[in-house]
Amino acid sequence: MPSKAYSRQRYRFVIAGLILFAHFSVGINFFVVAPLFPLIIDEFGVSRATASLLIALALLVHSFFGLPGGIIAVRFGLKRMYFLGWFLMGLLVLSAVAPNFGTLLVLRLAYGIGFGAIIPATGPLLMQWFRPKEVTIMNGLDMAALSLGVALSVSVAAPLANAMDWENTLALFGGIAMAGAVAWGIFGKVEPGTRASEAGISIKEVMSVLRNRTILLLVAADALVFMQYTALTSWLPTFYHEVRSMSLTQAGFITGLLPFVGVLAVLVGGFLPLKIASKKPFFIVPGLLLGLGGLGSFLIDSNLAIYVSIILLGIGSWSYAPTLLSLPMELPGMTPEKVAVVWGTFVTVSGIGMFISPIVVGAIRDGTGTFVPGFIIWAVGAWFLFIAGIILPKSAARIEG
């Protein structure tokens, strides 16, 4: 008979696989509607700003659930929280029979709630099953899985829509998430030996976490990066199609390079911190790359320069993520409950920002006839990651509580 410790060591690989597939499910349904915006606009006769709600409102709902979800995750139960989140994302399988834009929007809202439930629950789940160094690696792999999902959906959505209609394309990706929910319901486990305390976390402890300077810098930088990333990923396919005279397939392929590059970037970003003690370079260098790449992706007309800009933007937008997610776990006094709060805060603040940014770009395009002013707003803001890396405290302040 294998020992309990040996069995636990082996079962970590099952949990790791499920967590990775959960993030893949999030990613593959994240921006899948972006390459299909022209088809959805023609089908339902909505404006560009209205169409952007399919991404923006989902992110807003996910943001509202983020911080509360982080607080209640350990009380409701991580296994149940994970299943519920995955199931809600899987409801996108019903896109094939959505009769109107409103129904499609409701399904995207369910996805947003599921997204908001899974991410905060992942932090304490990782702390239960993996050692600190393994958590850093898992964070890199998780973000790589999410990025791979985004890349696949953005790249193949338009060709699939040509072959099987855009409604069935959305349903196909939703079905992948529903399959994951079933798999978690069968194989998902919470490690009982390190379960979070039943008392949860007090409001005083929540506030002490959110007042920490390091946490505040990380939250602000992450939000501004993803505001640019969401604005560009949502509208670059349409921008390249309308302004650069590219086909929808080509425009989707170029934009899809962002998360494809991100897959490699987050893997490198997950392993390099094991060799380099200082955290600053993992914010300064990505901040510089995404700042330059973001501006170049829409200001430069040369196809070669666009590809270079997209690659720089992809590297910068993803490579910092493993350090961002792991650093709060390494701060003094952190517990699974507090990590859930921090990750929930990332979800809430970034989600609100990602709700705003594509709507602003779409509205400015409708009002002025050009995407450029809207793109510039978020491209400038994303430089804060570079600034945050410079002013990040050398030794993080202690979190009391």
Protein backbone atom coordinates (compact mmCIF):
# COMPACT_ATOMS: atom_id res chain seq x y z
CA MET A 1 0.00 0.00 0.00
CA PRO A 2 1.46 3.40 -0.92
CA SER A 3 1.83 5.85 1.96
CA LYS A 4 -0.55 8.77 2.32
CA ALA A 5 2.29 11.23 1.66
CA TYR A 6 3.26 9.39 -1.54
CA SER A 7 -0.35 9.32 -2.73
CA ARG A 8 -0.64 13.05 -2.10
CA GLN A 9 2.57 13.70 -4.04
CA ARG A 10 1.20 11.80 -7.01
CA TYR A 11 -2.26 13.37 -6.86
CA ARG A 12 -0.72 16.84 -7.06
CA PHE A 13 -0.22 16.17 -10.76
CA VAL A 14 -3.96 15.55 -11.19
CA ILE A 15 -4.75 18.80 -9.36
CA ALA A 16 -2.11 20.63 -11.41
CA GLY A 17 -3.64 19.35 -14.64
CA LEU A 18 -7.14 20.43 -13.60
CA ILE A 19 -5.96 23.89 -12.54
CA LEU A 20 -4.14 24.30 -15.86
CA PHE A 21 -7.25 23.22 -17.80
CA ALA A 22 -9.35 25.67 -15.77
CA HIS A 23 -7.11 28.52 -16.85
CA PHE A 24 -7.16 27.24 -20.43
CA SER A 25 -10.97 27.29 -20.28
CA VAL A 26 -10.87 30.89 -19.06
CA GLY A 27 -8.49 31.91 -21.83
CA ILE A 28 -10.16 30.16 -24.74
CA ASN A 29 -13.43 32.00 -24.03
CA PHE A 30 -11.88 35.35 -23.02
CA PHE A 31 -11.57 37.24 -26.32
CA VAL A 32 -13.15 34.70 -28.65
CA VAL A 33 -15.85 37.21 -29.67
CA ALA A 34 -13.32 39.91 -30.68
CA PRO A 35 -12.47 38.49 -34.15
CA LEU A 36 -16.20 37.91 -34.69
CA PHE A 37 -17.32 41.46 -33.89
CA PRO A 38 -17.98 42.40 -37.55
CA LEU A 39 -20.14 39.28 -38.00
CA ILE A 40 -22.02 39.86 -34.72
CA ILE A 41 -22.56 43.54 -35.60
CA ASP A 42 -23.98 42.60 -39.00
CA GLU A 43 -26.16 39.82 -37.54
CA PHE A 44 -27.81 41.87 -34.79
CA GLY A 45 -27.43 45.42 -36.17
CA VAL A 46 -25.68 46.81 -33.07
CA SER A 47 -23.03 49.53 -32.81
CA ARG A 48 -19.36 48.88 -32.14
CA ALA A 49 -19.72 50.24 -28.60
CA THR A 50 -22.65 47.87 -27.98
CA ALA A 51 -20.79 44.89 -29.42
CA SER A 52 -17.85 45.62 -27.10
CA LEU A 53 -20.18 44.92 -24.14
CA LEU A 54 -19.76 41.20 -24.90
CA ILE A 55 -16.25 41.57 -23.53
CA ALA A 56 -16.60 44.62 -21.33
CA LEU A 57 -19.71 43.65 -19.31
CA ALA A 58 -18.37 40.14 -18.77
CA LEU A 59 -15.23 41.69 -17.31
CA LEU A 60 -17.27 44.10 -15.19
CA VAL A 61 -19.31 41.27 -13.67
CA HIS A 62 -16.14 39.27 -13.12
CA SER A 63 -14.57 42.28 -11.39
CA PHE A 64 -17.53 42.74 -9.02
CA PHE A 65 -17.26 39.11 -8.00
CA GLY A 66 -13.47 39.12 -7.61
CA LEU A 67 -12.86 40.57 -4.13
CA PRO A 68 -16.04 39.15 -2.51
CA GLY A 69 -15.27 35.86 -4.22
CA GLY A 70 -11.82 35.83 -2.67
CA ILE A 71 -13.34 36.35 0.78
CA ILE A 72 -16.07 33.70 0.50
CA ALA A 73 -14.08 31.10 -1.45
CA VAL A 74 -12.59 29.45 1.62
CA ARG A 75 -15.96 29.46 3.44
CA PHE A 76 -18.09 28.22 0.56
CA GLY A 77 -15.50 25.55 -0.18
CA LEU A 78 -12.79 25.63 -2.82
CA LYS A 79 -14.07 22.51 -4.57
CA ARG A 80 -17.61 23.86 -4.85
CA MET A 81 -16.36 27.32 -5.86
CA TYR A 82 -14.21 25.85 -8.61
CA PHE A 83 -17.05 23.70 -9.95
CA LEU A 84 -19.53 26.57 -9.91
CA GLY A 85 -17.15 28.89 -11.72
CA TRP A 86 -16.31 26.30 -14.37
CA PHE A 87 -19.98 25.40 -14.90
CA LEU A 88 -20.98 29.04 -15.39
CA MET A 89 -18.26 29.46 -18.00
CA GLY A 90 -19.46 26.30 -19.69
CA LEU A 91 -22.93 27.78 -20.22
CA LEU A 92 -21.42 29.47 -23.29
CA VAL A 93 -22.17 26.16 -25.02
CA LEU A 94 -25.71 27.56 -25.36
CA SER A 95 -24.44 30.28 -27.73
CA ALA A 96 -25.47 28.04 -30.62
CA VAL A 97 -29.14 28.58 -29.77
CA ALA A 98 -28.99 32.21 -28.59
CA PRO A 99 -31.87 33.95 -30.41
CA ASN A 100 -30.71 37.54 -29.98
CA PHE A 101 -27.92 39.81 -28.79
CA GLY A 102 -29.38 40.06 -25.27
CA THR A 103 -29.25 36.30 -24.75
CA LEU A 104 -25.68 36.17 -25.99
CA LEU A 105 -24.82 38.97 -23.57
CA VAL A 106 -26.37 37.04 -20.65
CA LEU A 107 -24.25 33.99 -21.48
CA ARG A 108 -21.15 36.19 -21.53
CA LEU A 109 -22.16 37.59 -18.13
CA ALA A 110 -22.34 34.04 -16.76
CA TYR A 111 -18.84 33.52 -18.12
CA GLY A 112 -17.71 36.66 -16.28
CA ILE A 113 -19.07 35.38 -12.96
CA GLY A 114 -17.39 32.01 -13.49
CA PHE A 115 -14.10 33.71 -14.36
CA GLY A 116 -14.41 35.81 -11.20
CA ALA A 117 -15.01 32.71 -9.08
CA ILE A 118 -12.13 30.59 -10.35
CA ILE A 119 -9.22 33.02 -10.21
CA PRO A 120 -9.39 34.00 -6.49
CA ALA A 121 -9.90 30.35 -5.51
CA THR A 122 -6.76 29.29 -7.38
CA GLY A 123 -4.37 31.06 -4.99
CA PRO A 124 -5.31 29.17 -1.81
CA LEU A 125 -5.69 25.95 -3.80
CA LEU A 126 -2.08 26.26 -4.98
CA MET A 127 -0.90 26.99 -1.44
CA GLN A 128 -2.62 23.82 -0.23
CA TRP A 129 -1.08 21.44 -2.75
CA PHE A 130 2.31 22.91 -3.73
CA ARG A 131 5.52 24.14 -2.12
CA PRO A 132 6.49 27.85 -2.53
CA LYS A 133 8.91 27.27 -5.43
CA GLU A 134 6.39 25.00 -7.11
CA VAL A 135 3.74 27.72 -6.74
CA THR A 136 5.88 30.14 -8.76
CA ILE A 137 6.27 27.54 -11.49
CA MET A 138 2.54 26.73 -11.39
CA ASN A 139 1.67 30.42 -11.70
CA GLY A 140 3.76 30.55 -14.85
CA LEU A 141 2.15 27.41 -16.24
CA ASP A 142 -1.34 28.66 -15.32
CA MET A 143 -0.82 31.93 -17.15
CA ALA A 144 0.69 30.05 -20.08
CA ALA A 145 -2.43 27.87 -20.26
CA LEU A 146 -4.67 30.95 -20.13
CA SER A 147 -2.56 32.69 -22.76
CA LEU A 148 -2.61 29.60 -24.98
CA GLY A 149 -6.40 29.53 -24.75
CA VAL A 150 -6.64 33.19 -25.74
CA ALA A 151 -4.21 32.64 -28.62
CA LEU A 152 -6.06 29.65 -30.03
CA SER A 153 -9.48 31.26 -29.86
CA VAL A 154 -8.41 34.61 -31.33
CA SER A 155 -6.48 32.89 -34.12
CA VAL A 156 -8.98 30.24 -35.19
CA ALA A 157 -12.34 31.88 -34.39
CA ALA A 158 -12.68 33.59 -37.78
CA PRO A 159 -11.71 30.51 -39.88
CA LEU A 160 -14.03 28.33 -37.79
CA ALA A 161 -16.85 30.85 -38.21
CA ASN A 162 -16.41 30.60 -41.98
CA ALA A 163 -16.73 26.82 -41.75
CA MET A 164 -19.43 26.37 -39.10
CA ASP A 165 -21.04 29.80 -38.40
CA TRP A 166 -19.96 32.11 -35.59
CA GLU A 167 -22.70 30.88 -33.18
CA ASN A 168 -21.44 27.30 -33.33
CA THR A 169 -17.87 28.52 -32.94
CA LEU A 170 -18.73 30.20 -29.63
CA ALA A 171 -20.62 27.08 -28.51
CA LEU A 172 -17.62 24.87 -29.30
CA PHE A 173 -15.35 26.84 -27.00
CA GLY A 174 -18.04 26.95 -24.30
CA GLY A 175 -18.30 23.17 -24.52
CA ILE A 176 -14.61 22.89 -23.66
CA ALA A 177 -15.28 24.74 -20.40
CA MET A 178 -18.29 22.55 -19.61
CA ALA A 179 -16.14 19.44 -20.09
CA GLY A 180 -13.71 20.88 -17.56
CA ALA A 181 -16.49 21.41 -15.03
CA VAL A 182 -17.44 17.74 -15.33
CA ALA A 183 -13.81 16.68 -14.92
CA TRP A 184 -13.42 18.81 -11.78
CA GLY A 185 -16.63 17.42 -10.31
CA ILE A 186 -15.20 13.90 -10.66
CA PHE A 187 -11.51 14.36 -9.89
CA GLY A 188 -11.19 17.66 -8.03
CA LYS A 189 -10.04 17.50 -4.41
CA VAL A 190 -9.17 19.92 -1.63
CA GLU A 191 -6.18 18.89 0.46
CA PRO A 192 -7.70 18.46 3.95
CA GLY A 193 -4.44 18.68 5.87
CA THR A 194 -3.90 22.34 4.98
CA ARG A 195 -7.45 23.60 4.64
CA ALA A 196 -8.02 27.27 5.37
CA SER A 197 -9.49 28.14 8.72
CA GLU A 198 -13.25 27.95 9.00
CA ALA A 199 -13.30 31.44 10.53
CA GLY A 200 -12.28 32.88 7.20
CA ILE A 201 -10.85 36.40 7.32
CA SER A 202 -12.00 39.49 9.18
CA ILE A 203 -12.69 42.91 7.65
CA LYS A 204 -9.76 44.29 9.68
CA GLU A 205 -7.43 41.74 8.10
CA VAL A 206 -8.80 42.52 4.65
CA MET A 207 -8.13 46.23 5.12
CA SER A 208 -4.61 45.60 6.45
CA VAL A 209 -3.82 43.60 3.32
CA LEU A 210 -5.21 46.27 1.00
CA ARG A 211 -3.25 49.07 2.71
CA ASN A 212 0.10 47.43 2.00
CA ARG A 213 2.15 49.59 -0.37
CA THR A 214 3.50 46.65 -2.35
CA ILE A 215 0.01 45.25 -2.91
CA LEU A 216 -1.31 48.65 -4.01
CA LEU A 217 1.50 49.08 -6.55
CA LEU A 218 0.95 45.61 -7.96
CA VAL A 219 -2.81 46.07 -8.23
CA ALA A 220 -2.52 49.43 -10.02
CA ALA A 221 0.18 48.26 -12.43
CA ASP A 222 -1.68 45.05 -13.31
CA ALA A 223 -4.91 46.93 -13.95
CA LEU A 224 -3.30 49.45 -16.31
CA VAL A 225 -1.48 46.72 -18.23
CA PHE A 226 -4.68 44.77 -18.78
CA MET A 227 -6.61 47.90 -19.72
CA GLN A 228 -4.24 48.36 -22.64
CA TYR A 229 -4.19 44.63 -23.41
CA THR A 230 -8.00 44.38 -23.45
CA ALA A 231 -8.46 47.52 -25.54
CA LEU A 232 -5.93 46.37 -28.14
CA THR A 233 -6.99 42.71 -28.22
CA SER A 234 -10.64 43.72 -28.55
CA TRP A 235 -10.22 46.24 -31.35
CA LEU A 236 -6.94 45.58 -33.19
CA PRO A 237 -8.58 42.91 -35.40
CA THR A 238 -11.21 45.44 -36.50
CA PHE A 239 -8.58 48.22 -36.75
CA TYR A 240 -6.33 46.11 -38.96
CA HIS A 241 -9.32 45.08 -41.09
CA GLU A 242 -10.75 48.58 -41.55
CA VAL A 243 -7.62 50.74 -41.49
CA ARG A 244 -4.79 48.44 -42.61
CA SER A 245 -7.00 46.63 -45.20
CA MET A 246 -6.27 43.17 -43.81
CA SER A 247 -8.69 40.27 -44.02
CA LEU A 248 -10.43 39.22 -40.80
CA THR A 249 -8.40 36.03 -40.80
CA GLN A 250 -5.08 37.87 -41.14
CA ALA A 251 -6.08 40.48 -38.57
CA GLY A 252 -7.10 37.75 -36.12
CA PHE A 253 -3.85 35.88 -36.73
CA ILE A 254 -1.70 38.94 -36.00
CA THR A 255 -3.64 39.80 -32.85
CA GLY A 256 -3.51 36.14 -31.86
CA LEU A 257 0.28 36.41 -31.74
CA LEU A 258 -0.12 38.40 -28.51
CA PRO A 259 -1.18 35.44 -26.38
CA PHE A 260 0.90 32.95 -28.40
CA VAL A 261 4.02 34.95 -27.54
CA GLY A 262 2.61 35.18 -24.02
CA VAL A 263 2.72 31.39 -23.64
CA LEU A 264 6.51 31.39 -23.93
CA ALA A 265 6.84 34.65 -22.00
CA VAL A 266 5.01 33.42 -18.90
CA LEU A 267 6.95 30.16 -18.91
CA VAL A 268 10.22 32.11 -18.88
CA GLY A 269 8.70 34.48 -16.34
CA GLY A 270 7.79 31.52 -14.14
CA PHE A 271 11.25 29.93 -14.11
CA LEU A 272 13.63 32.92 -14.11
CA PRO A 273 12.60 34.15 -10.62
CA LEU A 274 13.99 30.87 -9.28
CA LYS A 275 17.42 32.04 -10.47
CA ILE A 276 17.20 35.82 -9.91
CA ALA A 277 16.49 37.07 -6.39
CA SER A 278 15.41 40.64 -7.22
CA LYS A 279 11.77 41.10 -8.26
CA LYS A 280 12.29 44.52 -9.83
CA PRO A 281 13.56 43.36 -13.25
CA PHE A 282 10.41 41.28 -13.72
CA PHE A 283 8.37 44.48 -13.72
CA ILE A 284 10.80 47.02 -15.23
CA VAL A 285 11.77 45.04 -18.34
CA PRO A 286 8.22 43.89 -19.21
CA GLY A 287 6.98 47.44 -18.57
CA LEU A 288 9.43 48.81 -21.11
CA LEU A 289 8.60 46.15 -23.70
CA LEU A 290 4.82 46.45 -23.46
CA GLY A 291 5.05 50.24 -23.46
CA LEU A 292 6.98 50.33 -26.73
CA GLY A 293 5.06 47.46 -28.30
CA GLY A 294 1.68 48.89 -27.40
CA LEU A 295 2.36 52.19 -29.17
CA GLY A 296 3.95 50.53 -32.18
CA SER A 297 1.06 48.10 -32.71
CA PHE A 298 -1.23 50.85 -34.01
CA LEU A 299 0.98 53.88 -34.79
CA ILE A 300 3.28 52.15 -37.31
CA ASP A 301 2.01 51.19 -40.76
CA SER A 302 4.75 48.74 -41.76
CA ASN A 303 3.69 45.08 -41.52
CA LEU A 304 7.13 44.07 -40.25
CA ALA A 305 7.03 46.76 -37.56
CA ILE A 306 3.52 45.65 -36.56
CA TYR A 307 4.73 42.08 -36.07
CA VAL A 308 7.71 43.27 -34.00
CA SER A 309 5.46 45.50 -31.90
CA ILE A 310 2.97 42.69 -31.28
CA ILE A 311 5.79 40.38 -30.16
CA LEU A 312 7.18 43.01 -27.75
CA LEU A 313 3.68 43.72 -26.46
CA GLY A 314 2.99 40.02 -25.93
CA ILE A 315 6.25 39.43 -24.04
CA GLY A 316 5.75 42.45 -21.82
CA SER A 317 2.06 41.83 -21.11
CA TRP A 318 2.55 38.26 -19.88
CA SER A 319 6.09 37.75 -18.56
CA TYR A 320 5.54 39.71 -15.33
CA ALA A 321 2.42 37.75 -14.33
CA PRO A 322 4.06 34.82 -12.45
CA THR A 323 6.02 37.24 -10.26
CA LEU A 324 2.92 39.39 -9.75
CA LEU A 325 0.90 36.42 -8.50
CA SER A 326 3.68 34.83 -6.45
CA LEU A 327 5.04 37.93 -4.71
CA PRO A 328 2.00 38.38 -2.39
CA MET A 329 2.42 34.77 -1.22
CA GLU A 330 6.01 35.52 -0.18
CA LEU A 331 5.16 38.55 1.94
CA PRO A 332 5.37 38.08 5.73
CA GLY A 333 2.16 37.00 7.46
CA MET A 334 0.33 35.81 4.36
CA THR A 335 -2.25 33.03 4.67
CA PRO A 336 -4.44 31.28 2.06
CA GLU A 337 -7.31 33.59 3.08
CA LYS A 338 -5.20 36.71 2.56
CA VAL A 339 -3.87 35.47 -0.77
CA ALA A 340 -7.47 34.89 -1.91
CA VAL A 341 -8.21 38.52 -0.99
CA VAL A 342 -5.17 39.80 -2.91
CA TRP A 343 -5.97 37.74 -5.99
CA GLY A 344 -9.61 38.78 -5.72
CA THR A 345 -8.46 42.41 -5.64
CA PHE A 346 -6.44 41.85 -8.81
CA VAL A 347 -9.60 40.47 -10.42
CA THR A 348 -11.82 43.33 -9.22
CA VAL A 349 -9.61 46.30 -10.06
CA SER A 350 -8.32 44.90 -13.35
CA GLY A 351 -11.81 43.77 -14.31
CA ILE A 352 -13.27 47.25 -13.83
CA GLY A 353 -10.45 48.67 -15.92
CA MET A 354 -10.91 46.06 -18.63
CA PHE A 355 -14.63 46.86 -18.69
CA ILE A 356 -13.91 50.52 -19.33
CA SER A 357 -11.09 50.37 -21.87
CA PRO A 358 -12.74 48.61 -24.87
CA ILE A 359 -15.93 50.66 -24.48
CA VAL A 360 -13.92 53.89 -24.51
CA VAL A 361 -12.08 52.82 -27.64
CA GLY A 362 -15.30 51.73 -29.38
CA ALA A 363 -17.14 54.93 -28.40
CA ILE A 364 -14.25 57.15 -29.54
CA ARG A 365 -14.17 55.27 -32.85
CA ASP A 366 -17.93 55.75 -33.30
CA GLY A 367 -17.64 59.46 -32.45
CA THR A 368 -14.45 60.44 -34.27
CA GLY A 369 -14.03 57.81 -36.97
CA THR A 370 -10.62 56.73 -35.68
CA PHE A 371 -9.34 54.21 -33.12
CA VAL A 372 -6.04 55.98 -32.45
CA PRO A 373 -7.02 58.42 -29.64
CA GLY A 374 -8.62 55.60 -27.65
CA PHE A 375 -5.63 53.34 -28.13
CA ILE A 376 -3.24 56.09 -27.02
CA ILE A 377 -5.04 56.63 -23.71
CA TRP A 378 -4.45 53.05 -22.55
CA ALA A 379 -1.01 52.74 -24.17
CA VAL A 380 0.27 55.62 -22.05
CA GLY A 381 -1.28 54.24 -18.85
CA ALA A 382 0.38 50.84 -19.32
CA TRP A 383 3.80 52.44 -18.74
CA PHE A 384 2.96 52.40 -15.01
CA LEU A 385 4.26 48.81 -14.81
CA PHE A 386 7.71 50.19 -15.68
CA ILE A 387 7.34 52.92 -13.04
CA ALA A 388 6.05 50.47 -10.42
CA GLY A 389 9.07 48.25 -10.95
CA ILE A 390 11.38 51.18 -10.25
CA ILE A 391 9.64 52.34 -7.06
CA LEU A 392 8.79 48.84 -5.74
CA PRO A 393 10.19 48.54 -2.18
CA LYS A 394 13.37 46.46 -2.03
CA SER A 395 12.00 44.59 0.93
CA ALA A 396 8.22 44.33 0.95
CA ALA A 397 6.42 45.80 3.95
CA ARG A 398 5.04 43.33 6.49
CA ILE A 399 1.31 42.59 6.29
CA GLU A 400 -0.18 42.65 9.74
CA GLY A 401 -3.15 40.59 10.80
